[in-house]
C-alpha cells in the first residue's frame, strides 16, 4: 500500500497534515495552518520539493 497524506483539524481548530507510510506509521508532520488551502499548499510543496531534496547531515557522527 502506498503512503498517504492525512489532512485534519487540531484541537485549536487549525489545519494540519501528516504523511503516513504504507504500513500506517507517521513519518512526517506539517505545521499548523489557518486555512485548509494553506495546508494543501504545504502538502503540494512537499510533493514537488522532496523528489530532488538532498540530505544535509549536520551531525558530528
N, C-alpha and C. Protein backbone atom coordinates (compact mmCIF):
# COMPACT_ATOMS: atom_id res chain seq x y z
N UNK A 1 0.84 -1.18 0.00
CA UNK A 1 0.00 0.00 0.00
C UNK A 1 0.88 1.25 0.00
N UNK A 2 0.50 2.23 -0.78
CA UNK A 2 1.26 3.48 -0.88
C UNK A 2 1.03 4.36 0.35
N UNK A 3 1.94 5.27 0.57
CA UNK A 3 1.77 6.24 1.64
C UNK A 3 0.64 7.20 1.32
N UNK A 4 0.26 8.00 2.33
CA UNK A 4 -0.82 8.96 2.12
C UNK A 4 -0.63 10.16 3.04
N UNK A 5 -1.17 11.28 2.61
CA UNK A 5 -1.25 12.47 3.45
C UNK A 5 -2.62 12.47 4.11
N UNK A 6 -2.66 12.72 5.41
CA UNK A 6 -3.90 12.88 6.14
C UNK A 6 -4.04 14.35 6.50
N UNK A 7 -5.13 14.97 6.11
CA UNK A 7 -5.43 16.36 6.42
C UNK A 7 -6.46 16.37 7.54
N UNK A 8 -6.21 17.15 8.58
CA UNK A 8 -7.12 17.15 9.73
C UNK A 8 -7.06 18.50 10.45
N UNK A 9 -8.00 18.72 11.36
CA UNK A 9 -8.00 19.90 12.22
C UNK A 9 -7.56 19.49 13.62
N UNK A 10 -6.71 20.31 14.22
CA UNK A 10 -6.23 20.03 15.57
C UNK A 10 -7.19 20.62 16.61
N UNK A 11 -6.84 20.50 17.87
CA UNK A 11 -7.69 20.99 18.97
C UNK A 11 -7.87 22.50 18.94
N UNK A 12 -6.94 23.20 18.30
CA UNK A 12 -7.01 24.67 18.19
C UNK A 12 -7.75 25.11 16.93
N UNK A 13 -8.37 24.16 16.24
CA UNK A 13 -9.12 24.42 15.02
C UNK A 13 -8.22 24.88 13.88
N UNK A 14 -6.96 24.47 13.91
CA UNK A 14 -6.00 24.76 12.85
C UNK A 14 -5.90 23.52 11.94
N UNK A 15 -5.58 23.76 10.68
CA UNK A 15 -5.41 22.66 9.73
C UNK A 15 -3.98 22.13 9.81
N UNK A 16 -3.87 20.83 9.78
CA UNK A 16 -2.56 20.16 9.81
C UNK A 16 -2.60 18.98 8.88
N UNK A 17 -1.40 18.47 8.58
CA UNK A 17 -1.34 17.23 7.81
C UNK A 17 -0.22 16.37 8.37
N UNK A 18 -0.35 15.09 8.12
CA UNK A 18 0.71 14.14 8.45
C UNK A 18 0.87 13.21 7.26
N UNK A 19 2.09 12.76 7.04
CA UNK A 19 2.39 11.81 5.99
C UNK A 19 2.55 10.46 6.63
N UNK A 20 1.80 9.50 6.15
CA UNK A 20 1.87 8.15 6.70
C UNK A 20 2.42 7.19 5.66
N UNK A 21 3.27 6.29 6.11
CA UNK A 21 3.82 5.25 5.26
C UNK A 21 2.74 4.22 4.96
N UNK A 22 3.01 3.34 4.03
CA UNK A 22 2.06 2.30 3.66
C UNK A 22 1.65 1.41 4.81
N UNK A 23 2.53 1.29 5.83
CA UNK A 23 2.21 0.45 6.98
C UNK A 23 1.45 1.21 8.07
N UNK A 24 1.11 2.49 7.81
CA UNK A 24 0.34 3.28 8.76
C UNK A 24 1.17 4.12 9.71
N UNK A 25 2.48 3.96 9.67
CA UNK A 25 3.36 4.72 10.56
C UNK A 25 3.47 6.17 10.10
N UNK A 26 3.35 7.12 11.03
CA UNK A 26 3.52 8.53 10.72
C UNK A 26 5.00 8.79 10.50
N UNK A 27 5.34 9.37 9.34
CA UNK A 27 6.74 9.62 9.04
C UNK A 27 7.06 11.11 8.90
N UNK A 28 6.04 11.96 8.84
CA UNK A 28 6.26 13.41 8.80
C UNK A 28 4.98 14.11 9.25
N UNK A 29 5.16 15.28 9.88
CA UNK A 29 4.03 16.06 10.36
C UNK A 29 4.24 17.51 9.93
N UNK A 30 3.20 18.12 9.39
CA UNK A 30 3.28 19.51 8.96
C UNK A 30 2.95 20.47 10.09
N UNK A 31 3.25 21.72 9.87
CA UNK A 31 2.95 22.77 10.84
C UNK A 31 1.46 23.09 10.81
N UNK A 32 1.01 23.96 11.69
CA UNK A 32 -0.39 24.37 11.73
C UNK A 32 -0.63 25.47 10.70
N UNK A 33 -1.77 25.40 10.04
CA UNK A 33 -2.17 26.38 9.04
C UNK A 33 -3.54 26.94 9.42
N UNK A 34 -3.75 28.22 9.17
CA UNK A 34 -5.03 28.84 9.48
C UNK A 34 -6.12 28.42 8.50
N UNK A 35 -5.72 28.06 7.28
CA UNK A 35 -6.70 27.70 6.26
C UNK A 35 -6.41 26.31 5.69
N UNK A 36 -7.45 25.70 5.21
CA UNK A 36 -7.32 24.39 4.56
C UNK A 36 -6.45 24.52 3.32
N UNK A 37 -6.63 25.61 2.56
CA UNK A 37 -5.84 25.84 1.37
C UNK A 37 -4.35 25.95 1.70
N UNK A 38 -4.02 26.59 2.81
CA UNK A 38 -2.63 26.68 3.24
C UNK A 38 -2.03 25.31 3.50
N UNK A 39 -2.78 24.44 4.17
CA UNK A 39 -2.30 23.09 4.44
C UNK A 39 -2.13 22.30 3.15
N UNK A 40 -3.07 22.44 2.23
CA UNK A 40 -2.96 21.75 0.94
C UNK A 40 -1.76 22.25 0.15
N UNK A 41 -1.47 23.54 0.25
CA UNK A 41 -0.27 24.09 -0.40
C UNK A 41 0.99 23.52 0.24
N UNK A 42 0.98 23.30 1.56
CA UNK A 42 2.11 22.68 2.24
C UNK A 42 2.35 21.27 1.74
N UNK A 43 1.28 20.52 1.56
CA UNK A 43 1.38 19.15 1.02
C UNK A 43 1.95 19.20 -0.39
N UNK A 44 1.44 20.11 -1.20
CA UNK A 44 1.92 20.24 -2.58
C UNK A 44 3.40 20.59 -2.62
N UNK A 45 3.83 21.46 -1.71
CA UNK A 45 5.25 21.85 -1.66
C UNK A 45 6.14 20.64 -1.35
N UNK A 46 5.70 19.82 -0.44
CA UNK A 46 6.48 18.61 -0.12
C UNK A 46 6.54 17.69 -1.34
N UNK A 47 5.42 17.50 -1.98
CA UNK A 47 5.38 16.63 -3.17
C UNK A 47 6.34 17.12 -4.24
N UNK A 48 6.41 18.43 -4.46
CA UNK A 48 7.26 18.99 -5.50
C UNK A 48 8.74 19.00 -5.13
N UNK A 49 9.05 19.33 -3.87
CA UNK A 49 10.43 19.56 -3.47
C UNK A 49 11.16 18.34 -2.93
N UNK A 50 10.46 17.38 -2.39
CA UNK A 50 11.12 16.24 -1.77
C UNK A 50 11.79 15.32 -2.79
N UNK A 51 11.31 15.33 -4.00
CA UNK A 51 11.86 14.45 -5.03
C UNK A 51 13.35 14.69 -5.23
N UNK A 52 13.76 15.94 -5.25
CA UNK A 52 15.16 16.29 -5.51
C UNK A 52 15.92 16.74 -4.27
N UNK A 53 15.31 16.60 -3.10
CA UNK A 53 15.95 17.08 -1.87
C UNK A 53 17.19 16.24 -1.54
N UNK A 54 18.22 16.92 -1.07
CA UNK A 54 19.44 16.25 -0.62
C UNK A 54 19.41 16.16 0.90
N UNK A 55 20.22 15.27 1.45
CA UNK A 55 20.35 15.16 2.90
C UNK A 55 21.50 16.04 3.35
N UNK A 56 21.23 16.98 4.23
CA UNK A 56 22.25 17.86 4.80
C UNK A 56 22.53 17.34 6.21
N UNK A 57 23.48 16.44 6.33
CA UNK A 57 23.80 15.81 7.61
C UNK A 57 24.62 16.77 8.47
N UNK A 58 24.01 17.27 9.52
CA UNK A 58 24.66 18.23 10.40
C UNK A 58 25.06 17.62 11.74
N UNK A 59 25.15 16.30 11.74
CA UNK A 59 25.59 15.61 12.97
C UNK A 59 27.09 15.54 13.00
N UNK A 60 27.62 15.22 14.16
CA UNK A 60 29.06 15.08 14.30
C UNK A 60 29.53 13.65 14.08
N UNK A 61 28.62 12.75 13.78
CA UNK A 61 28.96 11.33 13.60
C UNK A 61 29.71 11.09 12.31
